[in-house]
């Protein structure tokens, strides 16, 4: 099957398409079309400017017309016309399916390469003397290709950094700083009190130590 045959319309054929499928010279196909049209045996679909199209069913008529003429011994029809037509239809369906799969694959690849890269780590310490985590807590680190964000769902806190390590370090400092600040308030608001209570579920203070955040 040639590249030209893959471009054909399975529902209507140009004289060039018919020539390719029948294995006959283009000018001979045109002559047969005009002869059969004058005899009322073939109906041609005409479009401006001067374009004409044949039905795939006309191929058999053109082939018989050719074989009944003396010139037929010089030009022989190559292959099975019906088989060519069915193969053409199947190839067009296959090509459409492959094109759709290619578009989908490219979209998935683009989404994977552009989407955020995510990983999970655990932190078990805080950068303040006297503060410890009651147990290790998970931290999700996400990157958009430019910066990194570390998020702790247990604490509801997020911090950013130029790389994965800096983002996690910034989150550890943030948790410690927030805990120390809220613990030093003389008259915390209701919201501040609730936030401190949330952090106390994660962080334990050694009252004998008062450290600074490095």
C-alpha atoms as a PDB file:
ATOM      1  CA  UNK A   1       0.000   0.000   0.000  1.00  0.00           C
ATOM      2  CA  UNK A   2       1.532   3.286  -1.102  1.00  0.00           C
ATOM      3  CA  UNK A   3       1.491   6.656   0.644  1.00  0.00           C
ATOM      4  CA  UNK A   4      -0.861   7.873  -2.078  1.00  0.00           C
ATOM      5  CA  UNK A   5      -3.367   5.118  -1.299  1.00  0.00           C
ATOM      6  CA  UNK A   6      -3.307   6.017   2.404  1.00  0.00           C
ATOM      7  CA  UNK A   7      -4.467   9.549   1.493  1.00  0.00           C
ATOM      8  CA  UNK A   8      -7.541   8.337  -0.437  1.00  0.00           C
ATOM      9  CA  UNK A   9     -11.097   8.899   0.673  1.00  0.00           C
ATOM     10  CA  UNK A  10     -12.735   5.501   1.172  1.00  0.00           C
ATOM     11  CA  UNK A  11     -16.167   6.928   0.214  1.00  0.00           C
ATOM     12  CA  UNK A  12     -15.266   8.680  -3.030  1.00  0.00           C
ATOM     13  CA  UNK A  13     -12.320   8.387  -5.380  1.00  0.00           C
ATOM     14  CA  UNK A  14     -10.640  10.834  -7.703  1.00  0.00           C
ATOM     15  CA  UNK A  15      -9.490   9.661 -11.152  1.00  0.00           C
ATOM     16  CA  UNK A  16      -5.961   9.604  -9.721  1.00  0.00           C
ATOM     17  CA  UNK A  17      -7.108   7.274  -6.928  1.00  0.00           C
ATOM     18  CA  UNK A  18      -8.863   5.005  -9.431  1.00  0.00           C
ATOM     19  CA  UNK A  19      -5.751   4.962 -11.594  1.00  0.00           C
ATOM     20  CA  UNK A  20      -3.622   3.894  -8.632  1.00  0.00           C
ATOM     21  CA  UNK A  21      -6.028   1.160  -7.508  1.00  0.00           C
ATOM     22  CA  UNK A  22      -6.622  -0.246 -10.984  1.00  0.00           C
ATOM     23  CA  UNK A  23      -3.046   0.036 -12.157  1.00  0.00           C
ATOM     24  CA  UNK A  24      -4.158   1.902 -15.277  1.00  0.00           C
ATOM     25  CA  UNK A  25      -2.781   5.141 -16.743  1.00  0.00           C
ATOM     26  CA  UNK A  26      -4.551   8.247 -15.537  1.00  0.00           C
ATOM     27  CA  UNK A  27      -5.551   9.386 -19.043  1.00  0.00           C
ATOM     28  CA  UNK A  28      -7.028   5.955 -19.792  1.00  0.00           C
ATOM     29  CA  UNK A  29      -9.177   6.088 -16.678  1.00  0.00           C
ATOM     30  CA  UNK A  30     -10.468   9.531 -17.689  1.00  0.00           C
ATOM     31  CA  UNK A  31     -11.354   8.248 -21.149  1.00  0.00           C
ATOM     32  CA  UNK A  32     -13.223   5.267 -19.698  1.00  0.00           C
ATOM     33  CA  UNK A  33     -15.110   7.558 -17.320  1.00  0.00           C
ATOM     34  CA  UNK A  34     -16.255   9.806 -20.167  1.00  0.00           C
ATOM     35  CA  UNK A  35     -17.244   6.810 -22.326  1.00  0.00           C
ATOM     36  CA  UNK A  36     -19.267   5.145 -19.584  1.00  0.00           C
ATOM     37  CA  UNK A  37     -20.844   8.445 -18.568  1.00  0.00           C
ATOM     38  CA  UNK A  38     -22.016   9.056 -22.143  1.00  0.00           C
ATOM     39  CA  UNK A  39     -23.517   5.567 -22.169  1.00  0.00           C
ATOM     40  CA  UNK A  40     -25.376   6.298 -18.945  1.00  0.00           C
ATOM     41  CA  UNK A  41     -23.590   3.461 -17.130  1.00  0.00           C
ATOM     42  CA  UNK A  42     -21.659   5.631 -14.707  1.00  0.00           C
ATOM     43  CA  UNK A  43     -22.615   8.698 -12.661  1.00  0.00           C
ATOM     44  CA  UNK A  44     -19.864  11.141 -11.824  1.00  0.00           C
ATOM     45  CA  UNK A  45     -19.952  13.549  -8.891  1.00  0.00           C
ATOM     46  CA  UNK A  46     -18.696  16.890 -10.111  1.00  0.00           C
ATOM     47  CA  UNK A  47     -17.374  19.757  -8.028  1.00  0.00           C
ATOM     48  CA  UNK A  48     -16.033  23.141  -8.948  1.00  0.00           C
ATOM     49  CA  UNK A  49     -13.572  23.942 -10.380  1.00  0.00           C
ATOM     50  CA  UNK A  50     -13.806  21.002 -12.794  1.00  0.00           C
ATOM     51  CA  UNK A  51     -13.138  18.290 -10.213  1.00  0.00           C
ATOM     52  CA  UNK A  52     -14.867  14.942 -10.457  1.00  0.00           C
ATOM     53  CA  UNK A  53     -15.157  11.980  -8.134  1.00  0.00           C
ATOM     54  CA  UNK A  54     -16.161   8.359  -8.558  1.00  0.00           C
ATOM     55  CA  UNK A  55     -17.869   5.917  -6.263  1.00  0.00           C
ATOM     56  CA  UNK A  56     -15.695   2.990  -5.069  1.00  0.00           C
ATOM     57  CA  UNK A  57     -18.321   0.748  -6.695  1.00  0.00           C
ATOM     58  CA  UNK A  58     -17.350   2.218 -10.096  1.00  0.00           C
ATOM     59  CA  UNK A  59     -13.966   0.499  -9.938  1.00  0.00           C
ATOM     60  CA  UNK A  60     -15.404  -2.839 -10.980  1.00  0.00           C
ATOM     61  CA  UNK A  61     -17.228  -1.175 -13.893  1.00  0.00           C
ATOM     62  CA  UNK A  62     -14.035   0.521 -15.042  1.00  0.00           C
ATOM     63  CA  UNK A  63     -12.094  -2.712 -14.753  1.00  0.00           C
ATOM     64  CA  UNK A  64     -14.624  -4.684 -16.816  1.00  0.00           C
ATOM     65  CA  UNK A  65     -14.785  -1.912 -19.386  1.00  0.00           C
ATOM     66  CA  UNK A  66     -11.005  -2.031 -19.690  1.00  0.00           C
ATOM     67  CA  UNK A  67     -10.841  -5.836 -19.938  1.00  0.00           C
ATOM     68  CA  UNK A  68     -13.450  -5.877 -22.715  1.00  0.00           C
ATOM     69  CA  UNK A  69     -11.392  -3.573 -24.898  1.00  0.00           C
ATOM     70  CA  UNK A  70      -8.549  -4.680 -27.180  1.00  0.00           C
ATOM     71  CA  UNK A  71      -6.177  -2.343 -25.382  1.00  0.00           C
ATOM     72  CA  UNK A  72      -6.633  -4.459 -22.289  1.00  0.00           C
ATOM     73  CA  UNK A  73      -3.836  -6.760 -23.343  1.00  0.00           C
ATOM     74  CA  UNK A  74      -1.425  -3.850 -23.003  1.00  0.00           C
ATOM     75  CA  UNK A  75      -2.515  -2.610 -19.570  1.00  0.00           C
ATOM     76  CA  UNK A  76      -3.541  -5.200 -16.992  1.00  0.00           C
ATOM     77  CA  UNK A  77      -5.292  -4.486 -13.721  1.00  0.00           C
ATOM     78  CA  UNK A  78      -3.010  -5.219 -10.796  1.00  0.00           C
ATOM     79  CA  UNK A  79      -4.392  -6.863  -7.659  1.00  0.00           C
ATOM     80  CA  UNK A  80      -7.876  -7.318  -6.260  1.00  0.00           C
ATOM     81  CA  UNK A  81      -9.777  -4.022  -6.304  1.00  0.00           C
ATOM     82  CA  UNK A  82     -12.148  -5.047  -3.518  1.00  0.00           C
ATOM     83  CA  UNK A  83      -9.261  -6.138  -1.361  1.00  0.00           C
ATOM     84  CA  UNK A  84      -7.506  -2.838  -1.995  1.00  0.00           C
ATOM     85  CA  UNK A  85     -10.628  -0.931  -1.014  1.00  0.00           C
ATOM     86  CA  UNK A  86     -11.139  -2.904   2.207  1.00  0.00           C
ATOM     87  CA  UNK A  87      -7.462  -2.669   3.086  1.00  0.00           C
ATOM     88  CA  UNK A  88      -7.581   1.078   2.496  1.00  0.00           C
ATOM     89  CA  UNK A  89     -10.535   1.426   4.846  1.00  0.00           C
ATOM     90  CA  UNK A  90      -8.837  -0.685   7.534  1.00  0.00           C
ATOM     91  CA  UNK A  91      -5.599   1.265   7.212  1.00  0.00           C
ATOM     92  CA  UNK A  92      -7.420   4.578   7.551  1.00  0.00           C
ATOM     93  CA  UNK A  93      -9.112   3.318  10.720  1.00  0.00           C
ATOM     94  CA  UNK A  94      -5.794   2.100  12.076  1.00  0.00           C
ATOM     95  CA  UNK A  95      -4.093   5.395  11.225  1.00  0.00           C
ATOM     96  CA  UNK A  96      -6.809   7.367  13.054  1.00  0.00           C
ATOM     97  CA  UNK A  97      -6.468   5.124  16.103  1.00  0.00           C
ATOM     98  CA  UNK A  98      -2.689   5.456  16.139  1.00  0.00           C
ATOM     99  CA  UNK A  99      -2.933   9.237  15.815  1.00  0.00           C
ATOM    100  CA  UNK A 100      -5.308   9.378  18.785  1.00  0.00           C
ATOM    101  CA  UNK A 101      -3.015   7.149  20.856  1.00  0.00           C
ATOM    102  CA  UNK A 102      -0.015   9.291  19.924  1.00  0.00           C
ATOM    103  CA  UNK A 103      -1.793  12.483  21.021  1.00  0.00           C
ATOM    104  CA  UNK A 104      -2.797  10.855  24.315  1.00  0.00           C
ATOM    105  CA  UNK A 105       0.725   9.562  24.950  1.00  0.00           C
ATOM    106  CA  UNK A 106       2.221  13.002  24.279  1.00  0.00           C
ATOM    107  CA  UNK A 107      -0.270  14.623  26.663  1.00  0.00           C
ATOM    108  CA  UNK A 108       0.561  12.097  29.396  1.00  0.00           C
ATOM    109  CA  UNK A 109       4.312  12.569  28.905  1.00  0.00           C
ATOM    110  CA  UNK A 110       3.909  16.351  29.061  1.00  0.00           C
ATOM    111  CA  UNK A 111       1.869  16.081  32.259  1.00  0.00           C
ATOM    112  CA  UNK A 112       4.497  13.842  33.846  1.00  0.00           C
ATOM    113  CA  UNK A 113       7.415  16.083  32.914  1.00  0.00           C
ATOM    114  CA  UNK A 114       5.688  19.306  33.938  1.00  0.00           C
ATOM    115  CA  UNK A 115       3.846  18.019  36.994  1.00  0.00           C
ATOM    116  CA  UNK A 116       5.192  18.481  40.535  1.00  0.00           C
ATOM    117  CA  UNK A 117       7.716  15.941  41.814  1.00  0.00           C
ATOM    118  CA  UNK A 118       6.626  14.717  45.245  1.00  0.00           C
ATOM    119  CA  UNK A 119       8.418  12.758  47.961  1.00  0.00           C
ATOM    120  CA  UNK A 120       7.879  12.012  51.636  1.00  0.00           C
ATOM    121  CA  UNK A 121      10.358  12.225  54.498  1.00  0.00           C
ATOM    122  CA  UNK A 122      10.111  12.113  58.281  1.00  0.00           C
ATOM    123  CA  UNK A 123      11.398  14.619  60.840  1.00  0.00           C
ATOM    124  CA  UNK A 124      12.155  13.599  64.400  1.00  0.00           C
ATOM    125  CA  UNK A 125      13.919  16.661  65.860  1.00  0.00           C
ATOM    126  CA  UNK A 126      13.507  20.434  66.077  1.00  0.00           C
ATOM    127  CA  UNK A 127      16.337  23.022  65.964  1.00  0.00           C
ATOM    128  CA  UNK A 128      15.697  24.319  69.499  1.00  0.00           C
ATOM    129  CA  UNK A 129      17.265  23.009  72.691  1.00  0.00           C
ATOM    130  CA  UNK A 130      14.544  21.797  75.020  1.00  0.00           C
ATOM    131  CA  UNK A 131      12.020  21.074  72.281  1.00  0.00           C
ATOM    132  CA  UNK A 132      11.487  17.556  70.988  1.00  0.00           C
ATOM    133  CA  UNK A 133       8.900  15.879  68.827  1.00  0.00           C
ATOM    134  CA  UNK A 134       6.776  13.372  70.674  1.00  0.00           C
ATOM    135  CA  UNK A 135       7.197  11.047  67.670  1.00  0.00           C
ATOM    136  CA  UNK A 136       8.528  11.396  64.100  1.00  0.00           C
ATOM    137  CA  UNK A 137       6.062  13.130  61.787  1.00  0.00           C
ATOM    138  CA  UNK A 138       5.784  12.819  57.986  1.00  0.00           C
ATOM    139  CA  UNK A 139       6.600  15.715  55.676  1.00  0.00           C
ATOM    140  CA  UNK A 140       5.682  15.879  51.980  1.00  0.00           C
ATOM    141  CA  UNK A 141       8.079  17.751  49.720  1.00  0.00           C
ATOM    142  CA  UNK A 142       6.795  19.005  46.367  1.00  0.00           C
ATOM    143  CA  UNK A 143       8.726  20.723  43.602  1.00  0.00           C
ATOM    144  CA  UNK A 144       7.424  22.653  40.605  1.00  0.00           C
ATOM    145  CA  UNK A 145      10.843  22.559  38.993  1.00  0.00           C
ATOM    146  CA  UNK A 146      11.825  25.970  40.417  1.00  0.00           C
ATOM    147  CA  UNK A 147      11.345  25.768  44.197  1.00  0.00           C
ATOM    148  CA  UNK A 148      10.543  23.188  46.870  1.00  0.00           C
ATOM    149  CA  UNK A 149       7.720  23.236  49.417  1.00  0.00           C
ATOM    150  CA  UNK A 150       7.641  21.094  52.542  1.00  0.00           C
ATOM    151  CA  UNK A 151       4.191  20.416  54.022  1.00  0.00           C
ATOM    152  CA  UNK A 152       3.304  18.703  57.287  1.00  0.00           C
ATOM    153  CA  UNK A 153      -0.333  17.644  57.343  1.00  0.00           C
ATOM    154  CA  UNK A 154      -0.168  16.757  61.054  1.00  0.00           C
ATOM    155  CA  UNK A 155       0.891  20.300  61.939  1.00  0.00           C
ATOM    156  CA  UNK A 156      -0.826  22.114  59.067  1.00  0.00           C
ATOM    157  CA  UNK A 157       2.387  24.000  58.283  1.00  0.00           C
ATOM    158  CA  UNK A 158       4.245  24.701  55.037  1.00  0.00           C
ATOM    159  CA  UNK A 159       7.691  26.121  54.312  1.00  0.00           C
ATOM    160  CA  UNK A 160       9.726  26.654  51.149  1.00  0.00           C
ATOM    161  CA  UNK A 161      13.358  26.377  50.112  1.00  0.00           C
ATOM    162  CA  UNK A 162      15.665  26.315  47.114  1.00  0.00           C
ATOM    163  CA  UNK A 163      16.016  22.550  47.431  1.00  0.00           C
ATOM    164  CA  UNK A 164      14.480  19.624  49.287  1.00  0.00           C
ATOM    165  CA  UNK A 165      16.807  19.867  52.264  1.00  0.00           C
ATOM    166  CA  UNK A 166      16.331  23.611  52.726  1.00  0.00           C
ATOM    167  CA  UNK A 167      12.547  23.272  52.543  1.00  0.00           C
ATOM    168  CA  UNK A 168      12.495  20.603  55.289  1.00  0.00           C
ATOM    169  CA  UNK A 169      14.895  22.639  57.426  1.00  0.00           C
ATOM    170  CA  UNK A 170      12.687  25.726  57.028  1.00  0.00           C
ATOM    171  CA  UNK A 171       9.660  23.713  58.124  1.00  0.00           C
ATOM    172  CA  UNK A 172      11.437  22.465  61.267  1.00  0.00           C
ATOM    173  CA  UNK A 173      12.386  26.072  62.149  1.00  0.00           C
ATOM    174  CA  UNK A 174       8.844  27.259  61.489  1.00  0.00           C
ATOM    175  CA  UNK A 175       7.305  24.679  63.811  1.00  0.00           C
ATOM    176  CA  UNK A 176       9.779  25.486  66.569  1.00  0.00           C
ATOM    177  CA  UNK A 177       9.415  29.248  66.190  1.00  0.00           C
ATOM    178  CA  UNK A 178       5.629  29.086  66.216  1.00  0.00           C
ATOM    179  CA  UNK A 179       5.617  26.860  69.302  1.00  0.00           C
ATOM    180  CA  UNK A 180       8.016  29.138  71.204  1.00  0.00           C
ATOM    181  CA  UNK A 181       6.138  32.300  70.190  1.00  0.00           C
ATOM    182  CA  UNK A 182       2.706  30.990  71.174  1.00  0.00           C
ATOM    183  CA  UNK A 183       4.066  29.617  74.454  1.00  0.00           C
ATOM    184  CA  UNK A 184       5.379  33.060  75.416  1.00  0.00           C
ATOM    185  CA  UNK A 185       2.064  34.895  74.922  1.00  0.00           C
ATOM    186  CA  UNK A 186       0.624  36.179  78.192  1.00  0.00           C
ATOM    187  CA  UNK A 187      -2.959  36.398  76.921  1.00  0.00           C
ATOM    188  CA  UNK A 188      -3.309  34.356  73.734  1.00  0.00           C
ATOM    189  CA  UNK A 189      -6.503  34.641  71.729  1.00  0.00           C
ATOM    190  CA  UNK A 190      -8.828  31.680  71.364  1.00  0.00           C
ATOM    191  CA  UNK A 191      -7.382  30.920  67.932  1.00  0.00           C
ATOM    192  CA  UNK A 192      -3.811  31.179  69.223  1.00  0.00           C
ATOM    193  CA  UNK A 193      -4.674  28.915  72.147  1.00  0.00           C
ATOM    194  CA  UNK A 194      -6.127  26.290  69.822  1.00  0.00           C
ATOM    195  CA  UNK A 195      -3.070  26.452  67.614  1.00  0.00           C
ATOM    196  CA  UNK A 196      -0.742  26.019  70.597  1.00  0.00           C
ATOM    197  CA  UNK A 197      -2.780  23.024  71.744  1.00  0.00           C
ATOM    198  CA  UNK A 198      -2.397  21.474  68.277  1.00  0.00           C
ATOM    199  CA  UNK A 199       1.360  21.963  68.370  1.00  0.00           C
ATOM    200  CA  UNK A 200       1.592  20.575  71.915  1.00  0.00           C
ATOM    201  CA  UNK A 201       0.191  17.313  70.620  1.00  0.00           C
ATOM    202  CA  UNK A 202       3.302  17.056  68.437  1.00  0.00           C
ATOM    203  CA  UNK A 203       5.971  18.941  70.417  1.00  0.00           C
ATOM    204  CA  UNK A 204       7.208  18.371  73.955  1.00  0.00           C
ATOM    205  CA  UNK A 205       9.055  21.082  75.950  1.00  0.00           C
ATOM    206  CA  UNK A 206      11.693  20.358  78.542  1.00  0.00           C
ATOM    207  CA  UNK A 207      10.951  23.072  81.060  1.00  0.00           C
ATOM    208  CA  UNK A 208      14.540  22.971  82.324  1.00  0.00           C
ATOM    209  CA  UNK A 209      15.890  24.072  78.928  1.00  0.00           C
ATOM    210  CA  UNK A 210      15.316  27.350  77.137  1.00  0.00           C
ATOM    211  CA  UNK A 211      17.040  27.263  73.812  1.00  0.00           C
ATOM    212  CA  UNK A 212      17.237  29.644  70.912  1.00  0.00           C
ATOM    213  CA  UNK A 213      16.315  28.908  67.340  1.00  0.00           C
ATOM    214  CA  UNK A 214      19.541  28.817  65.287  1.00  0.00           C
END
